[in-house]
N, C-alpha and C. Protein backbone atom coordinates (compact mmCIF):
# COMPACT_ATOMS: atom_id res chain seq x y z
N MET A 1 11.29 27.84 33.85
CA MET A 1 9.97 27.40 34.27
C MET A 1 10.09 26.73 35.63
N ALA A 2 9.13 27.01 36.47
CA ALA A 2 9.05 26.36 37.78
C ALA A 2 7.82 25.45 37.81
N TYR A 3 7.84 24.54 38.77
CA TYR A 3 6.75 23.58 38.93
C TYR A 3 6.15 23.72 40.33
N TRP A 4 4.87 23.41 40.42
CA TRP A 4 4.13 23.61 41.65
C TRP A 4 3.14 22.48 41.88
N LEU A 5 2.57 22.45 43.06
CA LEU A 5 1.45 21.57 43.37
C LEU A 5 0.42 22.44 44.07
N LEU A 6 -0.80 22.43 43.55
CA LEU A 6 -1.90 23.23 44.11
C LEU A 6 -2.98 22.29 44.59
N LYS A 7 -3.37 22.45 45.83
CA LYS A 7 -4.36 21.57 46.45
C LYS A 7 -5.73 22.22 46.46
N SER A 8 -6.73 21.39 46.22
CA SER A 8 -8.12 21.83 46.32
C SER A 8 -8.97 20.67 46.80
N GLU A 9 -9.91 20.97 47.66
CA GLU A 9 -10.86 19.95 48.07
C GLU A 9 -11.86 19.76 46.94
N PRO A 10 -11.97 18.54 46.41
CA PRO A 10 -12.79 18.34 45.22
C PRO A 10 -14.28 18.64 45.42
N ASP A 11 -14.75 18.61 46.66
CA ASP A 11 -16.16 18.96 46.88
C ASP A 11 -16.37 20.47 46.90
N ALA A 12 -15.26 21.24 46.97
CA ALA A 12 -15.35 22.70 46.91
C ALA A 12 -15.01 23.21 45.50
N PHE A 13 -13.90 22.70 44.92
CA PHE A 13 -13.49 23.05 43.56
C PHE A 13 -12.63 21.91 43.04
N SER A 14 -13.14 21.19 42.07
CA SER A 14 -12.46 19.98 41.58
C SER A 14 -11.73 20.23 40.27
N TRP A 15 -10.98 19.21 39.86
CA TRP A 15 -10.33 19.23 38.56
C TRP A 15 -11.37 19.45 37.46
N ASP A 16 -12.49 18.75 37.53
CA ASP A 16 -13.54 18.92 36.53
C ASP A 16 -14.06 20.35 36.49
N ASP A 17 -14.13 21.00 37.65
CA ASP A 17 -14.56 22.40 37.69
C ASP A 17 -13.58 23.29 36.93
N LEU A 18 -12.26 23.04 37.12
CA LEU A 18 -11.26 23.84 36.41
C LEU A 18 -11.34 23.57 34.91
N VAL A 19 -11.52 22.33 34.52
CA VAL A 19 -11.63 21.99 33.10
C VAL A 19 -12.80 22.75 32.47
N LYS A 20 -13.92 22.84 33.17
CA LYS A 20 -15.11 23.54 32.66
C LYS A 20 -14.87 25.02 32.45
N LYS A 21 -13.88 25.59 33.15
CA LYS A 21 -13.57 27.02 33.00
C LYS A 21 -12.88 27.32 31.67
N GLY A 22 -12.34 26.29 31.02
CA GLY A 22 -11.72 26.47 29.71
C GLY A 22 -10.46 27.32 29.75
N ALA A 23 -10.18 27.97 28.62
CA ALA A 23 -8.95 28.74 28.46
C ALA A 23 -8.89 29.95 29.38
N LYS A 24 -10.05 30.47 29.80
CA LYS A 24 -10.04 31.65 30.69
C LYS A 24 -9.58 31.30 32.09
N GLY A 25 -9.63 30.01 32.43
CA GLY A 25 -9.13 29.57 33.73
C GLY A 25 -9.93 30.11 34.90
N GLU A 26 -9.25 30.14 36.04
CA GLU A 26 -9.92 30.52 37.29
C GLU A 26 -8.88 31.07 38.27
N PRO A 27 -9.22 32.12 39.02
CA PRO A 27 -8.32 32.57 40.08
C PRO A 27 -8.24 31.51 41.17
N TRP A 28 -7.03 31.27 41.69
CA TRP A 28 -6.80 30.29 42.76
C TRP A 28 -6.97 31.02 44.08
N THR A 29 -8.21 31.22 44.48
CA THR A 29 -8.55 32.06 45.63
C THR A 29 -8.64 31.27 46.92
N GLY A 30 -8.71 32.02 48.01
CA GLY A 30 -8.99 31.43 49.32
C GLY A 30 -7.78 30.96 50.08
N VAL A 31 -6.58 31.15 49.56
CA VAL A 31 -5.38 30.72 50.27
C VAL A 31 -5.10 31.70 51.40
N ARG A 32 -4.98 31.17 52.61
CA ARG A 32 -4.76 32.02 53.78
C ARG A 32 -3.58 31.51 54.61
N ASN A 33 -2.48 31.28 53.92
CA ASN A 33 -1.23 30.84 54.54
C ASN A 33 -0.13 31.66 53.88
N PHE A 34 0.74 32.26 54.69
CA PHE A 34 1.75 33.16 54.14
C PHE A 34 2.75 32.44 53.23
N THR A 35 3.16 31.23 53.57
CA THR A 35 4.09 30.49 52.71
C THR A 35 3.44 30.17 51.38
N ALA A 36 2.20 29.71 51.40
CA ALA A 36 1.48 29.41 50.16
C ALA A 36 1.30 30.68 49.33
N ARG A 37 0.97 31.80 49.99
CA ARG A 37 0.82 33.08 49.28
C ARG A 37 2.15 33.46 48.62
N ASN A 38 3.24 33.33 49.36
CA ASN A 38 4.55 33.67 48.81
C ASN A 38 4.91 32.77 47.64
N ASN A 39 4.51 31.51 47.70
CA ASN A 39 4.74 30.63 46.56
C ASN A 39 3.99 31.13 45.34
N MET A 40 2.76 31.59 45.53
CA MET A 40 2.01 32.13 44.38
C MET A 40 2.65 33.41 43.86
N LYS A 41 3.20 34.23 44.76
CA LYS A 41 3.88 35.45 44.32
C LYS A 41 5.12 35.14 43.49
N ALA A 42 5.71 33.95 43.70
CA ALA A 42 6.90 33.55 42.96
C ALA A 42 6.57 32.94 41.60
N MET A 43 5.31 32.61 41.36
CA MET A 43 4.92 31.95 40.11
C MET A 43 5.02 32.91 38.93
N GLN A 44 5.35 32.32 37.78
CA GLN A 44 5.42 33.07 36.53
C GLN A 44 4.40 32.50 35.55
N VAL A 45 3.93 33.34 34.64
CA VAL A 45 3.02 32.87 33.60
C VAL A 45 3.73 31.76 32.82
N GLY A 46 3.03 30.66 32.63
CA GLY A 46 3.60 29.51 31.94
C GLY A 46 4.06 28.41 32.86
N ASP A 47 4.28 28.72 34.15
CA ASP A 47 4.64 27.67 35.10
C ASP A 47 3.54 26.61 35.13
N LEU A 48 3.93 25.39 35.40
CA LEU A 48 2.99 24.28 35.45
C LEU A 48 2.83 23.79 36.88
N GLY A 49 1.66 23.26 37.17
CA GLY A 49 1.40 22.72 38.50
C GLY A 49 0.60 21.45 38.44
N PHE A 50 0.80 20.62 39.45
CA PHE A 50 -0.06 19.47 39.63
C PHE A 50 -1.32 19.93 40.33
N PHE A 51 -2.47 19.52 39.86
CA PHE A 51 -3.74 19.78 40.53
C PHE A 51 -3.98 18.58 41.43
N TYR A 52 -4.05 18.84 42.73
CA TYR A 52 -4.12 17.78 43.73
C TYR A 52 -5.45 17.85 44.47
N HIS A 53 -6.18 16.76 44.46
CA HIS A 53 -7.41 16.67 45.25
C HIS A 53 -7.04 16.33 46.68
N SER A 54 -7.30 17.24 47.60
CA SER A 54 -7.00 17.00 49.01
C SER A 54 -8.25 16.50 49.73
N ASN A 55 -8.04 15.95 50.87
CA ASN A 55 -9.10 15.42 51.74
C ASN A 55 -9.86 14.25 51.12
N ILE A 56 -10.46 14.44 49.96
CA ILE A 56 -11.17 13.36 49.27
C ILE A 56 -10.31 12.92 48.10
N GLY A 57 -9.84 11.71 48.14
CA GLY A 57 -9.01 11.20 47.06
C GLY A 57 -7.52 11.28 47.37
N LYS A 58 -7.07 12.44 47.81
CA LYS A 58 -5.64 12.67 48.10
C LYS A 58 -4.78 12.16 46.96
N GLU A 59 -4.93 12.83 45.79
CA GLU A 59 -4.19 12.37 44.61
C GLU A 59 -4.00 13.50 43.60
N VAL A 60 -2.91 13.40 42.85
CA VAL A 60 -2.65 14.29 41.73
C VAL A 60 -3.53 13.81 40.58
N VAL A 61 -4.39 14.71 40.09
CA VAL A 61 -5.35 14.32 39.06
C VAL A 61 -5.20 15.08 37.74
N GLY A 62 -4.41 16.15 37.74
CA GLY A 62 -4.28 16.93 36.51
C GLY A 62 -3.07 17.84 36.53
N ILE A 63 -2.85 18.46 35.37
CA ILE A 63 -1.79 19.46 35.19
C ILE A 63 -2.48 20.78 34.87
N CYS A 64 -2.09 21.81 35.60
CA CYS A 64 -2.62 23.15 35.33
C CYS A 64 -1.46 24.08 35.01
N GLN A 65 -1.80 25.23 34.45
CA GLN A 65 -0.79 26.21 34.05
C GLN A 65 -1.16 27.58 34.59
N VAL A 66 -0.16 28.30 35.06
CA VAL A 66 -0.37 29.67 35.53
C VAL A 66 -0.58 30.56 34.31
N ILE A 67 -1.70 31.30 34.31
CA ILE A 67 -2.00 32.18 33.17
C ILE A 67 -2.07 33.66 33.56
N ALA A 68 -1.97 33.96 34.87
CA ALA A 68 -1.92 35.35 35.33
C ALA A 68 -1.09 35.40 36.61
N LEU A 69 -0.25 36.41 36.70
CA LEU A 69 0.60 36.59 37.88
C LEU A 69 -0.23 36.88 39.12
N ALA A 70 0.43 36.77 40.27
CA ALA A 70 -0.23 37.03 41.55
C ALA A 70 -0.87 38.42 41.54
N HIS A 71 -2.11 38.45 42.01
CA HIS A 71 -2.86 39.70 42.11
C HIS A 71 -3.76 39.60 43.33
N ALA A 72 -4.43 40.68 43.66
CA ALA A 72 -5.30 40.68 44.84
C ALA A 72 -6.34 39.58 44.74
N ASP A 73 -6.50 38.85 45.84
CA ASP A 73 -7.51 37.78 45.91
C ASP A 73 -8.87 38.45 46.10
N PRO A 74 -9.79 38.27 45.15
CA PRO A 74 -11.09 38.93 45.25
C PRO A 74 -11.94 38.45 46.43
N THR A 75 -11.56 37.34 47.06
CA THR A 75 -12.32 36.85 48.22
C THR A 75 -11.77 37.39 49.54
N ASP A 76 -10.77 38.29 49.47
CA ASP A 76 -10.12 38.82 50.66
C ASP A 76 -10.46 40.29 50.85
N ASP A 77 -11.00 40.62 52.02
CA ASP A 77 -11.34 42.01 52.34
C ASP A 77 -10.19 42.78 52.96
N THR A 78 -9.11 42.07 53.36
CA THR A 78 -8.00 42.73 54.06
C THR A 78 -6.96 43.30 53.11
N GLY A 79 -6.88 42.77 51.89
CA GLY A 79 -5.90 43.24 50.93
C GLY A 79 -4.53 42.60 51.06
N LYS A 80 -4.35 41.65 51.98
CA LYS A 80 -3.02 41.06 52.14
C LYS A 80 -2.85 39.73 51.40
N TRP A 81 -3.92 39.15 50.91
CA TRP A 81 -3.84 37.84 50.27
C TRP A 81 -3.85 37.97 48.75
N LYS A 82 -3.11 37.10 48.12
CA LYS A 82 -2.95 37.10 46.66
C LYS A 82 -3.45 35.79 46.08
N CYS A 83 -3.64 35.79 44.77
CA CYS A 83 -3.95 34.57 44.03
C CYS A 83 -3.36 34.70 42.64
N VAL A 84 -3.21 33.57 41.98
CA VAL A 84 -2.84 33.53 40.56
C VAL A 84 -4.02 32.94 39.82
N ASP A 85 -4.03 33.10 38.52
CA ASP A 85 -5.06 32.44 37.69
C ASP A 85 -4.41 31.23 37.04
N VAL A 86 -5.16 30.13 37.00
CA VAL A 86 -4.68 28.90 36.38
C VAL A 86 -5.73 28.35 35.42
N ARG A 87 -5.26 27.56 34.47
CA ARG A 87 -6.15 26.87 33.55
C ARG A 87 -5.75 25.40 33.52
N ALA A 88 -6.69 24.54 33.19
CA ALA A 88 -6.42 23.12 33.05
C ALA A 88 -5.62 22.88 31.78
N VAL A 89 -4.62 22.02 31.85
CA VAL A 89 -3.84 21.63 30.68
C VAL A 89 -4.27 20.23 30.24
N GLU A 90 -4.17 19.27 31.16
CA GLU A 90 -4.62 17.92 30.85
C GLU A 90 -4.72 17.08 32.11
N PRO A 91 -5.55 16.05 32.05
CA PRO A 91 -5.68 15.15 33.20
C PRO A 91 -4.48 14.22 33.30
N VAL A 92 -4.26 13.68 34.47
CA VAL A 92 -3.24 12.66 34.67
C VAL A 92 -3.91 11.31 34.36
N PRO A 93 -3.38 10.55 33.39
CA PRO A 93 -4.03 9.29 33.01
C PRO A 93 -4.23 8.32 34.17
N ARG A 94 -3.23 8.22 35.05
CA ARG A 94 -3.31 7.38 36.24
C ARG A 94 -3.08 8.27 37.44
N PRO A 95 -4.13 8.72 38.13
CA PRO A 95 -3.93 9.59 39.29
C PRO A 95 -2.88 9.03 40.24
N VAL A 96 -2.05 9.92 40.77
CA VAL A 96 -0.96 9.54 41.67
C VAL A 96 -1.40 9.88 43.09
N THR A 97 -1.59 8.86 43.90
CA THR A 97 -2.09 9.05 45.26
C THR A 97 -0.98 9.49 46.21
N LEU A 98 -1.40 10.06 47.32
CA LEU A 98 -0.46 10.42 48.37
C LEU A 98 0.30 9.18 48.85
N ALA A 99 -0.38 8.06 48.97
CA ALA A 99 0.28 6.81 49.37
C ALA A 99 1.35 6.42 48.36
N ASP A 100 1.07 6.59 47.05
CA ASP A 100 2.07 6.30 46.01
C ASP A 100 3.29 7.19 46.17
N VAL A 101 3.06 8.47 46.42
CA VAL A 101 4.16 9.43 46.58
C VAL A 101 5.00 9.05 47.80
N LYS A 102 4.34 8.76 48.92
CA LYS A 102 5.07 8.40 50.14
C LYS A 102 5.84 7.10 50.00
N ALA A 103 5.36 6.20 49.18
CA ALA A 103 6.02 4.91 48.99
C ALA A 103 7.22 4.98 48.04
N ASN A 104 7.38 6.09 47.34
CA ASN A 104 8.46 6.23 46.35
C ASN A 104 9.65 6.93 47.00
N PRO A 105 10.78 6.25 47.18
CA PRO A 105 11.96 6.86 47.81
C PRO A 105 12.46 8.10 47.07
N ARG A 106 12.23 8.17 45.77
CA ARG A 106 12.68 9.34 44.99
C ARG A 106 11.91 10.60 45.39
N LEU A 107 10.75 10.43 46.05
CA LEU A 107 9.91 11.58 46.42
C LEU A 107 9.90 11.85 47.92
N SER A 108 10.83 11.25 48.64
CA SER A 108 10.83 11.38 50.11
C SER A 108 11.04 12.83 50.58
N GLY A 109 11.69 13.65 49.77
CA GLY A 109 11.92 15.04 50.14
C GLY A 109 10.87 16.00 49.61
N MET A 110 9.89 15.50 48.89
CA MET A 110 8.86 16.34 48.27
C MET A 110 8.05 17.07 49.35
N ALA A 111 7.72 18.31 49.09
CA ALA A 111 6.93 19.10 50.05
C ALA A 111 5.63 18.40 50.41
N LEU A 112 5.04 17.67 49.48
CA LEU A 112 3.80 16.95 49.75
C LEU A 112 3.98 15.95 50.88
N VAL A 113 5.18 15.42 51.04
CA VAL A 113 5.49 14.48 52.10
C VAL A 113 5.91 15.22 53.38
N ARG A 114 6.75 16.24 53.23
CA ARG A 114 7.32 16.95 54.38
C ARG A 114 6.37 17.97 55.02
N THR A 115 5.67 18.73 54.20
CA THR A 115 4.76 19.78 54.70
C THR A 115 3.39 19.55 54.08
N ALA A 116 2.80 18.46 54.45
CA ALA A 116 1.59 17.96 53.79
C ALA A 116 0.42 18.95 53.80
N ARG A 117 0.35 19.82 54.79
CA ARG A 117 -0.81 20.71 54.89
C ARG A 117 -0.71 21.96 54.01
N LEU A 118 0.46 22.25 53.49
CA LEU A 118 0.66 23.45 52.68
C LEU A 118 -0.11 23.34 51.36
N SER A 119 -0.96 24.32 51.07
CA SER A 119 -1.89 24.22 49.94
C SER A 119 -1.29 24.58 48.58
N VAL A 120 -0.18 25.32 48.57
CA VAL A 120 0.52 25.66 47.33
C VAL A 120 1.99 25.41 47.59
N GLN A 121 2.55 24.44 46.87
CA GLN A 121 3.89 23.95 47.16
C GLN A 121 4.78 23.97 45.93
N PRO A 122 6.09 24.21 46.12
CA PRO A 122 7.01 24.04 45.00
C PRO A 122 7.26 22.56 44.75
N VAL A 123 7.58 22.25 43.51
CA VAL A 123 7.93 20.89 43.10
C VAL A 123 9.24 21.00 42.31
N THR A 124 10.23 20.18 42.64
CA THR A 124 11.49 20.22 41.90
C THR A 124 11.31 19.59 40.53
N GLU A 125 12.25 19.85 39.65
CA GLU A 125 12.19 19.27 38.31
C GLU A 125 12.22 17.74 38.37
N ALA A 126 13.06 17.19 39.27
CA ALA A 126 13.15 15.73 39.40
C ALA A 126 11.84 15.16 39.94
N GLU A 127 11.23 15.84 40.91
CA GLU A 127 9.94 15.39 41.45
C GLU A 127 8.86 15.45 40.38
N TRP A 128 8.88 16.54 39.61
CA TRP A 128 7.92 16.70 38.51
C TRP A 128 8.01 15.52 37.55
N ALA A 129 9.24 15.21 37.14
CA ALA A 129 9.45 14.12 36.20
C ALA A 129 8.97 12.79 36.77
N GLU A 130 9.25 12.54 38.05
CA GLU A 130 8.87 11.26 38.65
C GLU A 130 7.36 11.14 38.80
N VAL A 131 6.69 12.18 39.25
CA VAL A 131 5.23 12.12 39.39
C VAL A 131 4.59 11.99 38.01
N CYS A 132 5.11 12.70 37.03
CA CYS A 132 4.59 12.54 35.66
C CYS A 132 4.75 11.10 35.20
N ARG A 133 5.92 10.51 35.44
CA ARG A 133 6.15 9.12 35.05
C ARG A 133 5.14 8.20 35.73
N MET A 134 4.95 8.39 37.03
CA MET A 134 4.02 7.56 37.79
C MET A 134 2.60 7.71 37.27
N GLY A 135 2.26 8.90 36.81
CA GLY A 135 0.91 9.18 36.33
C GLY A 135 0.68 8.87 34.86
N GLY A 136 1.72 8.40 34.18
CA GLY A 136 1.57 8.05 32.77
C GLY A 136 1.76 9.21 31.81
N LEU A 137 2.44 10.26 32.27
CA LEU A 137 2.71 11.42 31.42
C LEU A 137 4.20 11.50 31.09
N ALA A 138 4.54 11.99 29.94
CA ALA A 138 5.94 12.22 29.57
C ALA A 138 6.37 13.56 30.14
N ALA A 139 7.29 13.56 31.09
CA ALA A 139 7.71 14.80 31.77
C ALA A 139 8.28 15.82 30.79
N GLN A 140 9.06 15.38 29.80
CA GLN A 140 9.63 16.32 28.86
C GLN A 140 8.55 17.04 28.06
N LYS A 141 7.53 16.30 27.66
CA LYS A 141 6.41 16.89 26.93
C LYS A 141 5.73 17.94 27.81
N ARG A 142 5.52 17.62 29.05
CA ARG A 142 4.85 18.54 29.98
C ARG A 142 5.70 19.78 30.19
N ALA A 143 7.02 19.63 30.28
CA ALA A 143 7.89 20.75 30.57
C ALA A 143 7.90 21.76 29.42
N LYS A 144 7.66 21.31 28.20
CA LYS A 144 7.71 22.21 27.04
C LYS A 144 6.36 22.79 26.67
N LYS A 145 5.30 22.29 27.22
CA LYS A 145 3.96 22.75 26.83
C LYS A 145 3.70 24.13 27.43
N LYS A 146 3.42 25.09 26.58
CA LYS A 146 3.16 26.45 27.07
C LYS A 146 1.97 27.02 26.35
């Protein structure tokens, strides 16, 4: 299993919007960055991701799960962009802010700190565990939930 961080502007598509989609989830559309697209192409069904509110809030607010492999992005007319489908798993009890992440030396190498603008990022197992701890989640429980 791999871990990810997916960013969304909450005024465009929020954590609550994903929760409302239920088990059918939602395609993660609109990504127009080759590195982010390649990250989605690397995702496997069952992988988990942090749902991150960007611009407004700048915080990890939930855990989502990949439920469909990369496929054509229906919002793209060129055919070169991909998306995965994700569903909400659970909210983070204590949202983890960007400031919290930057202040934690254990997360200094995290993509969220190094390449802050990238909308779909890999997260290491150690980073996953630390952000889960900071947010009040048991990392082991999250890692086994499928």
